[in-house]
Amino acid sequence: MTQTGNTQKIAEAIYGELEGEKDIKPIGEVTDLEGYDLAFIGFPVLQFDVPANVKTFLSGKTSGKNIATFMTHAVPEGFEAIHSWTGSCAQAAEGANILGTFDCQGELAQPVIDMLLKADDPQMKAFGEMGPSTKGQPDESCVQKAKAFAKEVQAKL
């Protein structure tokens, strides 16, 4: 289940570009990565971090595996804090062979916008005010970048 469908949209774009036998599943339905040559692991950034269930999956199930990660978030492309989010992800997947990482802006869910606008913290309020500018993301250019990312990563095998 997703709040906005951002991560699912990017997952489907990546999936569509992959050749050979493949599956697409919610992370909660994946028990291990046995039998897979490569796993793309996608997630939304929640509260400025990688979700706890994704960190647990990365640290517990990716050691020795070829993986690529992708994330959706509400901040514009080039936002500096993204590097700490991707770093957190790489740290959790320390034993994995990370073949690539991808991120793109997604649409911020209206309930999150509403919550941020009510925050006492001026920075949180500013993020809430940015919310309407995220409408329609990830856009077609982001989808195309995700498809190119999928091909680049698969070519590394």
N, C-alpha and C. Protein backbone atom coordinates (compact mmCIF):
# COMPACT_ATOMS: atom_id res chain seq x y z
N MET A 1 0.84 -1.18 0.00
CA MET A 1 0.00 0.00 0.00
C MET A 1 0.89 1.25 0.00
N THR A 2 0.54 2.22 -0.80
CA THR A 2 1.33 3.43 -0.87
C THR A 2 0.45 4.64 -0.63
N GLN A 3 1.08 5.72 -0.17
CA GLN A 3 0.34 6.96 0.05
C GLN A 3 0.07 7.67 -1.27
N THR A 4 1.04 7.62 -2.16
CA THR A 4 0.95 8.42 -3.38
C THR A 4 1.16 7.62 -4.66
N GLY A 5 1.78 6.45 -4.57
CA GLY A 5 2.09 5.66 -5.76
C GLY A 5 3.41 6.04 -6.42
N ASN A 6 4.16 6.98 -5.82
CA ASN A 6 5.42 7.44 -6.41
C ASN A 6 6.42 6.30 -6.60
N THR A 7 6.70 5.57 -5.53
CA THR A 7 7.70 4.50 -5.59
C THR A 7 7.23 3.38 -6.51
N GLN A 8 5.95 3.07 -6.46
CA GLN A 8 5.40 2.03 -7.33
C GLN A 8 5.56 2.43 -8.81
N LYS A 9 5.33 3.69 -9.13
CA LYS A 9 5.47 4.16 -10.51
C LYS A 9 6.90 3.97 -11.00
N ILE A 10 7.87 4.30 -10.16
CA ILE A 10 9.28 4.13 -10.54
C ILE A 10 9.64 2.65 -10.59
N ALA A 11 9.13 1.86 -9.65
CA ALA A 11 9.38 0.41 -9.65
C ALA A 11 8.88 -0.22 -10.94
N GLU A 12 7.71 0.18 -11.39
CA GLU A 12 7.15 -0.39 -12.61
C GLU A 12 7.95 0.04 -13.84
N ALA A 13 8.47 1.27 -13.83
CA ALA A 13 9.31 1.73 -14.95
C ALA A 13 10.60 0.90 -15.02
N ILE A 14 11.21 0.66 -13.86
CA ILE A 14 12.44 -0.15 -13.81
C ILE A 14 12.13 -1.58 -14.25
N TYR A 15 11.09 -2.14 -13.68
CA TYR A 15 10.69 -3.52 -13.98
C TYR A 15 10.48 -3.72 -15.48
N GLY A 16 9.85 -2.75 -16.13
CA GLY A 16 9.55 -2.85 -17.55
C GLY A 16 10.79 -2.90 -18.42
N GLU A 17 11.92 -2.41 -17.93
CA GLU A 17 13.15 -2.38 -18.70
C GLU A 17 14.03 -3.61 -18.48
N LEU A 18 13.75 -4.37 -17.46
CA LEU A 18 14.60 -5.52 -17.13
C LEU A 18 14.33 -6.69 -18.06
N GLU A 19 15.41 -7.34 -18.46
CA GLU A 19 15.29 -8.50 -19.33
C GLU A 19 15.39 -9.77 -18.50
N GLY A 20 14.86 -10.84 -19.03
CA GLY A 20 14.94 -12.14 -18.35
C GLY A 20 13.81 -12.33 -17.37
N GLU A 21 13.94 -13.39 -16.58
CA GLU A 21 12.93 -13.71 -15.57
C GLU A 21 12.96 -12.66 -14.49
N LYS A 22 11.80 -12.21 -14.06
CA LYS A 22 11.75 -11.15 -13.05
C LYS A 22 10.47 -11.21 -12.26
N ASP A 23 10.51 -10.62 -11.08
CA ASP A 23 9.35 -10.48 -10.19
C ASP A 23 9.31 -9.04 -9.73
N ILE A 24 8.12 -8.59 -9.37
CA ILE A 24 7.97 -7.30 -8.70
C ILE A 24 7.07 -7.54 -7.50
N LYS A 25 7.60 -7.22 -6.30
CA LYS A 25 6.87 -7.51 -5.07
C LYS A 25 7.08 -6.39 -4.05
N PRO A 26 6.09 -6.19 -3.19
CA PRO A 26 6.31 -5.29 -2.04
C PRO A 26 7.38 -5.90 -1.14
N ILE A 27 8.20 -5.07 -0.54
CA ILE A 27 9.33 -5.55 0.27
C ILE A 27 8.87 -6.47 1.40
N GLY A 28 7.69 -6.24 1.93
CA GLY A 28 7.17 -7.08 3.02
C GLY A 28 6.89 -8.51 2.59
N GLU A 29 6.80 -8.75 1.29
CA GLU A 29 6.52 -10.10 0.79
C GLU A 29 7.79 -10.85 0.39
N VAL A 30 8.95 -10.20 0.52
CA VAL A 30 10.21 -10.83 0.12
C VAL A 30 10.89 -11.42 1.36
N THR A 31 11.04 -12.75 1.36
CA THR A 31 11.66 -13.39 2.52
C THR A 31 13.18 -13.44 2.40
N ASP A 32 13.68 -13.60 1.17
CA ASP A 32 15.12 -13.59 0.93
C ASP A 32 15.38 -13.32 -0.55
N LEU A 33 16.63 -13.21 -0.91
CA LEU A 33 16.99 -12.91 -2.30
C LEU A 33 17.64 -14.11 -2.99
N GLU A 34 17.45 -15.31 -2.42
CA GLU A 34 18.00 -16.52 -3.04
C GLU A 34 17.40 -16.70 -4.43
N GLY A 35 18.26 -17.07 -5.37
CA GLY A 35 17.79 -17.32 -6.72
C GLY A 35 17.74 -16.08 -7.61
N TYR A 36 18.03 -14.92 -7.04
CA TYR A 36 18.01 -13.68 -7.83
C TYR A 36 19.45 -13.23 -8.11
N ASP A 37 19.72 -12.89 -9.36
CA ASP A 37 21.03 -12.35 -9.73
C ASP A 37 21.16 -10.89 -9.34
N LEU A 38 20.01 -10.21 -9.26
CA LEU A 38 19.97 -8.77 -9.01
C LEU A 38 18.64 -8.42 -8.39
N ALA A 39 18.67 -7.54 -7.40
CA ALA A 39 17.43 -7.04 -6.80
C ALA A 39 17.46 -5.52 -6.79
N PHE A 40 16.40 -4.92 -7.30
CA PHE A 40 16.19 -3.47 -7.18
C PHE A 40 15.30 -3.27 -5.96
N ILE A 41 15.75 -2.47 -5.02
CA ILE A 41 15.01 -2.26 -3.78
C ILE A 41 14.62 -0.79 -3.71
N GLY A 42 13.31 -0.55 -3.74
CA GLY A 42 12.82 0.82 -3.76
C GLY A 42 12.01 1.17 -2.53
N PHE A 43 12.01 2.45 -2.21
CA PHE A 43 11.30 2.91 -1.01
C PHE A 43 11.09 4.42 -1.08
N PRO A 44 10.10 4.90 -0.34
CA PRO A 44 9.94 6.34 -0.21
C PRO A 44 10.79 6.82 0.97
N VAL A 45 11.23 8.05 0.91
CA VAL A 45 11.88 8.65 2.08
C VAL A 45 10.75 9.11 2.99
N LEU A 46 10.79 8.67 4.24
CA LEU A 46 9.77 9.05 5.22
C LEU A 46 10.45 9.74 6.38
N GLN A 47 9.97 10.89 6.74
CA GLN A 47 10.54 11.66 7.86
C GLN A 47 12.05 11.83 7.69
N PHE A 48 12.46 12.15 6.47
CA PHE A 48 13.86 12.47 6.15
C PHE A 48 14.81 11.30 6.35
N ASP A 49 14.31 10.06 6.18
CA ASP A 49 15.17 8.90 6.37
C ASP A 49 14.62 7.71 5.59
N VAL A 50 15.46 6.68 5.50
CA VAL A 50 15.06 5.40 4.93
C VAL A 50 14.11 4.75 5.94
N PRO A 51 12.97 4.22 5.50
CA PRO A 51 12.05 3.58 6.45
C PRO A 51 12.72 2.42 7.20
N ALA A 52 12.34 2.24 8.45
CA ALA A 52 12.95 1.22 9.31
C ALA A 52 12.86 -0.17 8.71
N ASN A 53 11.71 -0.53 8.11
CA ASN A 53 11.58 -1.88 7.54
C ASN A 53 12.54 -2.09 6.37
N VAL A 54 12.86 -1.03 5.64
CA VAL A 54 13.80 -1.13 4.51
C VAL A 54 15.22 -1.29 5.05
N LYS A 55 15.57 -0.51 6.08
CA LYS A 55 16.90 -0.65 6.69
C LYS A 55 17.09 -2.08 7.21
N THR A 56 16.07 -2.61 7.86
CA THR A 56 16.13 -3.97 8.39
C THR A 56 16.34 -4.97 7.26
N PHE A 57 15.59 -4.80 6.17
CA PHE A 57 15.73 -5.69 5.01
C PHE A 57 17.13 -5.59 4.43
N LEU A 58 17.61 -4.37 4.23
CA LEU A 58 18.93 -4.17 3.64
C LEU A 58 20.04 -4.79 4.49
N SER A 59 19.95 -4.60 5.80
CA SER A 59 21.01 -5.11 6.67
C SER A 59 20.90 -6.62 6.88
N GLY A 60 19.70 -7.18 6.77
CA GLY A 60 19.52 -8.60 7.06
C GLY A 60 19.46 -9.53 5.87
N LYS A 61 19.20 -9.01 4.68
CA LYS A 61 18.94 -9.91 3.56
C LYS A 61 19.74 -9.63 2.30
N THR A 62 20.65 -8.66 2.31
CA THR A 62 21.34 -8.31 1.06
C THR A 62 22.82 -8.65 1.05
N SER A 63 23.35 -9.14 2.12
CA SER A 63 24.78 -9.44 2.18
C SER A 63 25.18 -10.41 1.07
N GLY A 64 26.22 -10.04 0.32
CA GLY A 64 26.71 -10.87 -0.76
C GLY A 64 25.86 -10.84 -2.02
N LYS A 65 24.82 -10.02 -2.05
CA LYS A 65 23.91 -9.97 -3.20
C LYS A 65 24.16 -8.73 -4.04
N ASN A 66 23.84 -8.82 -5.32
CA ASN A 66 23.86 -7.67 -6.23
C ASN A 66 22.54 -6.93 -6.06
N ILE A 67 22.64 -5.67 -5.65
CA ILE A 67 21.42 -4.89 -5.48
C ILE A 67 21.60 -3.50 -6.11
N ALA A 68 20.48 -2.87 -6.36
CA ALA A 68 20.42 -1.46 -6.73
C ALA A 68 19.27 -0.88 -5.92
N THR A 69 19.43 0.34 -5.47
CA THR A 69 18.38 0.96 -4.68
C THR A 69 17.83 2.18 -5.41
N PHE A 70 16.56 2.44 -5.15
CA PHE A 70 15.94 3.65 -5.69
C PHE A 70 14.97 4.19 -4.66
N MET A 71 14.88 5.51 -4.62
CA MET A 71 14.00 6.14 -3.64
C MET A 71 13.27 7.31 -4.26
N THR A 72 12.09 7.54 -3.72
CA THR A 72 11.33 8.73 -4.08
C THR A 72 11.23 9.61 -2.84
N HIS A 73 11.18 10.90 -3.07
CA HIS A 73 11.15 11.88 -1.98
C HIS A 73 10.47 13.13 -2.50
N ALA A 74 10.15 14.05 -1.64
CA ALA A 74 9.40 15.24 -2.06
C ALA A 74 10.28 16.44 -2.38
N VAL A 75 11.56 16.34 -2.17
CA VAL A 75 12.42 17.52 -2.38
C VAL A 75 12.87 17.60 -3.84
N PRO A 76 13.18 18.81 -4.31
CA PRO A 76 13.60 18.97 -5.70
C PRO A 76 14.93 18.28 -5.98
N GLU A 77 15.16 17.98 -7.26
CA GLU A 77 16.40 17.35 -7.69
C GLU A 77 17.60 18.20 -7.26
N GLY A 78 18.64 17.54 -6.79
CA GLY A 78 19.84 18.26 -6.37
C GLY A 78 19.83 18.72 -4.92
N PHE A 79 18.78 18.41 -4.17
CA PHE A 79 18.68 18.80 -2.76
C PHE A 79 19.78 18.10 -1.98
N GLU A 80 20.59 18.85 -1.27
CA GLU A 80 21.81 18.33 -0.64
C GLU A 80 21.57 17.20 0.37
N ALA A 81 20.48 17.26 1.13
CA ALA A 81 20.23 16.26 2.18
C ALA A 81 20.04 14.86 1.62
N ILE A 82 19.76 14.74 0.33
CA ILE A 82 19.57 13.43 -0.28
C ILE A 82 20.79 12.55 -0.05
N HIS A 83 21.97 13.15 -0.03
CA HIS A 83 23.20 12.37 0.15
C HIS A 83 23.23 11.65 1.50
N SER A 84 22.68 12.25 2.54
CA SER A 84 22.64 11.56 3.83
C SER A 84 21.63 10.41 3.77
N TRP A 85 20.55 10.58 3.01
CA TRP A 85 19.56 9.50 2.89
C TRP A 85 20.15 8.32 2.13
N THR A 86 20.85 8.61 1.02
CA THR A 86 21.46 7.51 0.26
C THR A 86 22.58 6.87 1.06
N GLY A 87 23.30 7.67 1.85
CA GLY A 87 24.36 7.14 2.70
C GLY A 87 23.82 6.20 3.75
N SER A 88 22.68 6.56 4.32
CA SER A 88 22.02 5.72 5.32
C SER A 88 21.63 4.38 4.70
N CYS A 89 21.18 4.42 3.48
CA CYS A 89 20.78 3.23 2.75
C CYS A 89 22.02 2.34 2.49
N ALA A 90 23.09 2.93 2.00
CA ALA A 90 24.32 2.18 1.71
C ALA A 90 24.90 1.57 2.99
N GLN A 91 24.81 2.31 4.07
CA GLN A 91 25.32 1.81 5.36
C GLN A 91 24.53 0.57 5.79
N ALA A 92 23.23 0.60 5.62
CA ALA A 92 22.40 -0.53 6.02
C ALA A 92 22.70 -1.76 5.16
N ALA A 93 23.05 -1.54 3.89
CA ALA A 93 23.33 -2.65 2.96
C ALA A 93 24.83 -2.91 2.84
N GLU A 94 25.54 -2.71 3.91
CA GLU A 94 27.01 -2.75 3.92
C GLU A 94 27.61 -3.98 3.25
N GLY A 95 27.04 -5.15 3.43
CA GLY A 95 27.63 -6.37 2.87
C GLY A 95 27.21 -6.66 1.44
N ALA A 96 26.35 -5.83 0.88
CA ALA A 96 25.84 -6.05 -0.48
C ALA A 96 26.77 -5.45 -1.52
N ASN A 97 26.64 -5.92 -2.74
CA ASN A 97 27.32 -5.33 -3.89
C ASN A 97 26.33 -4.35 -4.52
N ILE A 98 26.45 -3.07 -4.17
CA ILE A 98 25.50 -2.06 -4.64
C ILE A 98 25.93 -1.60 -6.03
N LEU A 99 25.12 -1.93 -7.02
CA LEU A 99 25.44 -1.63 -8.42
C LEU A 99 24.93 -0.25 -8.85
N GLY A 100 24.14 0.39 -8.03
CA GLY A 100 23.66 1.72 -8.37
C GLY A 100 22.61 2.22 -7.41
N THR A 101 22.45 3.53 -7.39
CA THR A 101 21.39 4.15 -6.59
C THR A 101 20.71 5.20 -7.47
N PHE A 102 19.43 5.39 -7.25
CA PHE A 102 18.65 6.33 -8.04
C PHE A 102 17.66 7.01 -7.10
N ASP A 103 17.44 8.28 -7.34
CA ASP A 103 16.41 8.97 -6.57
C ASP A 103 15.69 9.95 -7.47
N CYS A 104 14.46 10.22 -7.16
CA CYS A 104 13.71 11.25 -7.88
C CYS A 104 12.61 11.81 -7.00
N GLN A 105 12.19 12.99 -7.39
CA GLN A 105 11.13 13.65 -6.65
C GLN A 105 9.80 12.96 -6.92
N GLY A 106 9.03 12.84 -5.87
CA GLY A 106 7.68 12.32 -5.97
C GLY A 106 6.72 13.33 -5.39
N GLU A 107 5.45 13.06 -5.56
CA GLU A 107 4.42 13.95 -5.04
C GLU A 107 4.27 13.76 -3.53
N LEU A 108 4.25 14.87 -2.81
CA LEU A 108 4.06 14.82 -1.36
C LEU A 108 2.57 14.61 -1.08
N ALA A 109 2.26 13.64 -0.25
CA ALA A 109 0.87 13.32 0.08
C ALA A 109 0.20 14.49 0.81
N GLN A 110 -1.04 14.75 0.46
CA GLN A 110 -1.76 15.88 1.06
C GLN A 110 -1.82 15.83 2.59
N PRO A 111 -2.05 14.66 3.21
CA PRO A 111 -2.06 14.63 4.68
C PRO A 111 -0.71 15.06 5.28
N VAL A 112 0.39 14.74 4.58
CA VAL A 112 1.72 15.14 5.05
C VAL A 112 1.88 16.65 4.89
N ILE A 113 1.42 17.19 3.76
CA ILE A 113 1.47 18.65 3.56
C ILE A 113 0.71 19.35 4.68
N ASP A 114 -0.49 18.87 4.98
CA ASP A 114 -1.32 19.47 6.03
C ASP A 114 -0.62 19.44 7.38
N MET A 115 0.00 18.29 7.69
CA MET A 115 0.71 18.14 8.97
C MET A 115 1.90 19.11 9.04
N LEU A 116 2.67 19.19 7.94
CA LEU A 116 3.84 20.08 7.93
C LEU A 116 3.44 21.54 8.06
N LEU A 117 2.34 21.93 7.43
CA LEU A 117 1.90 23.33 7.50
C LEU A 117 1.49 23.73 8.91
N LYS A 118 1.10 22.75 9.73
CA LYS A 118 0.69 23.02 11.12
C LYS A 118 1.87 22.97 12.09
N ALA A 119 3.04 22.58 11.61
CA ALA A 119 4.20 22.41 12.49
C ALA A 119 4.67 23.75 13.06
N ASP A 120 5.24 23.68 14.26
CA ASP A 120 5.81 24.87 14.89
C ASP A 120 7.18 25.20 14.30
N ASP A 121 7.88 24.16 13.83
CA ASP A 121 9.22 24.32 13.26
C ASP A 121 9.12 25.02 11.90
N PRO A 122 9.79 26.17 11.75
CA PRO A 122 9.72 26.90 10.47
C PRO A 122 10.23 26.09 9.27
N GLN A 123 11.23 25.23 9.49
CA GLN A 123 11.74 24.42 8.39
C GLN A 123 10.68 23.41 7.92
N MET A 124 9.96 22.82 8.88
CA MET A 124 8.91 21.87 8.53
C MET A 124 7.78 22.59 7.78
N LYS A 125 7.44 23.77 8.26
CA LYS A 125 6.42 24.59 7.60
C LYS A 125 6.84 24.90 6.15
N ALA A 126 8.12 25.21 5.96
CA ALA A 126 8.64 25.51 4.62
C ALA A 126 8.52 24.28 3.71
N PHE A 127 8.78 23.09 4.24
CA PHE A 127 8.60 21.87 3.46
C PHE A 127 7.13 21.71 3.06
N GLY A 128 6.23 22.00 4.00
CA GLY A 128 4.80 21.93 3.70
C GLY A 128 4.40 22.89 2.60
N GLU A 129 4.97 24.10 2.62
CA GLU A 129 4.65 25.10 1.60
C GLU A 129 5.18 24.68 0.23
N MET A 130 6.20 23.83 0.21
CA MET A 130 6.76 23.31 -1.03
C MET A 130 5.84 22.24 -1.64
N GLY A 131 4.96 21.69 -0.84
CA GLY A 131 4.10 20.57 -1.25
C GLY A 131 3.41 20.71 -2.59
N PRO A 132 2.72 21.82 -2.84
CA PRO A 132 2.01 21.94 -4.12
C PRO A 132 2.93 21.86 -5.35
N SER A 133 4.19 22.24 -5.19
CA SER A 133 5.13 22.19 -6.33
C SER A 133 5.50 20.75 -6.69
N THR A 134 5.15 19.79 -5.82
CA THR A 134 5.47 18.39 -6.10
C THR A 134 4.38 17.69 -6.91
N LYS A 135 3.26 18.36 -7.13
CA LYS A 135 2.14 17.74 -7.87
C LYS A 135 2.62 17.27 -9.23
N GLY A 136 2.22 16.06 -9.59
CA GLY A 136 2.58 15.50 -10.89
C GLY A 136 3.93 14.81 -10.93
N GLN A 137 4.63 14.77 -9.81
CA GLN A 137 5.91 14.07 -9.74
C GLN A 137 5.68 12.64 -9.26
N PRO A 138 6.44 11.68 -9.66
CA PRO A 138 7.51 11.77 -10.64
C PRO A 138 6.93 11.96 -12.04
N ASP A 139 7.53 12.89 -12.78
CA ASP A 139 7.05 13.19 -14.12
C ASP A 139 7.69 12.27 -15.14
N GLU A 140 7.37 12.47 -16.40
CA GLU A 140 7.85 11.58 -17.46
C GLU A 140 9.38 11.57 -17.56
N SER A 141 10.02 12.72 -17.32
CA SER A 141 11.49 12.74 -17.42
C SER A 141 12.10 11.87 -16.32
N CYS A 142 11.50 11.86 -15.15
CA CYS A 142 11.99 11.00 -14.06
C CYS A 142 11.77 9.53 -14.41
N VAL A 143 10.64 9.22 -15.00
CA VAL A 143 10.35 7.84 -15.41
C VAL A 143 11.39 7.38 -16.44
N GLN A 144 11.72 8.26 -17.38
CA GLN A 144 12.71 7.92 -18.40
C GLN A 144 14.10 7.71 -17.77
N LYS A 145 14.44 8.54 -16.78
CA LYS A 145 15.72 8.38 -16.08
C LYS A 145 15.76 7.05 -15.33
N ALA A 146 14.63 6.67 -14.74
CA ALA A 146 14.55 5.39 -14.02
C ALA A 146 14.75 4.22 -14.99
N LYS A 147 14.17 4.33 -16.17
CA LYS A 147 14.34 3.27 -17.18
C LYS A 147 15.81 3.16 -17.60
N ALA A 148 16.45 4.30 -17.80
CA ALA A 148 17.87 4.29 -18.17
C ALA A 148 18.72 3.70 -17.04
N PHE A 149 18.37 4.05 -15.80
CA PHE A 149 19.05 3.50 -14.61
C PHE A 149 18.95 1.97 -14.61
N ALA A 150 17.77 1.44 -14.88
CA ALA A 150 17.57 -0.01 -14.89
C ALA A 150 18.49 -0.68 -15.91
N LYS A 151 18.57 -0.10 -17.10
CA LYS A 151 19.42 -0.67 -18.15
C LYS A 151 20.89 -0.59 -17.76
N GLU A 152 21.32 0.55 -17.20
CA GLU A 152 22.72 0.71 -16.77
C GLU A 152 23.10 -0.32 -15.74
N VAL A 153 22.24 -0.50 -14.74
CA VAL A 153 22.53 -1.45 -13.67
C VAL A 153 22.57 -2.87 -14.21
N GLN A 154 21.60 -3.24 -15.01
CA GLN A 154 21.56 -4.61 -15.53
C GLN A 154 22.77 -4.89 -16.41
N ALA A 155 23.27 -3.88 -17.10
CA ALA A 155 24.46 -4.05 -17.96
C ALA A 155 25.73 -4.33 -17.14
N LYS A 156 25.70 -4.06 -15.85
CA LYS A 156 26.87 -4.30 -15.00
C LYS A 156 27.03 -5.77 -14.60
N LEU A 157 26.00 -6.57 -14.85
CA LEU A 157 26.06 -8.00 -14.48
C LEU A 157 26.91 -8.78 -15.44
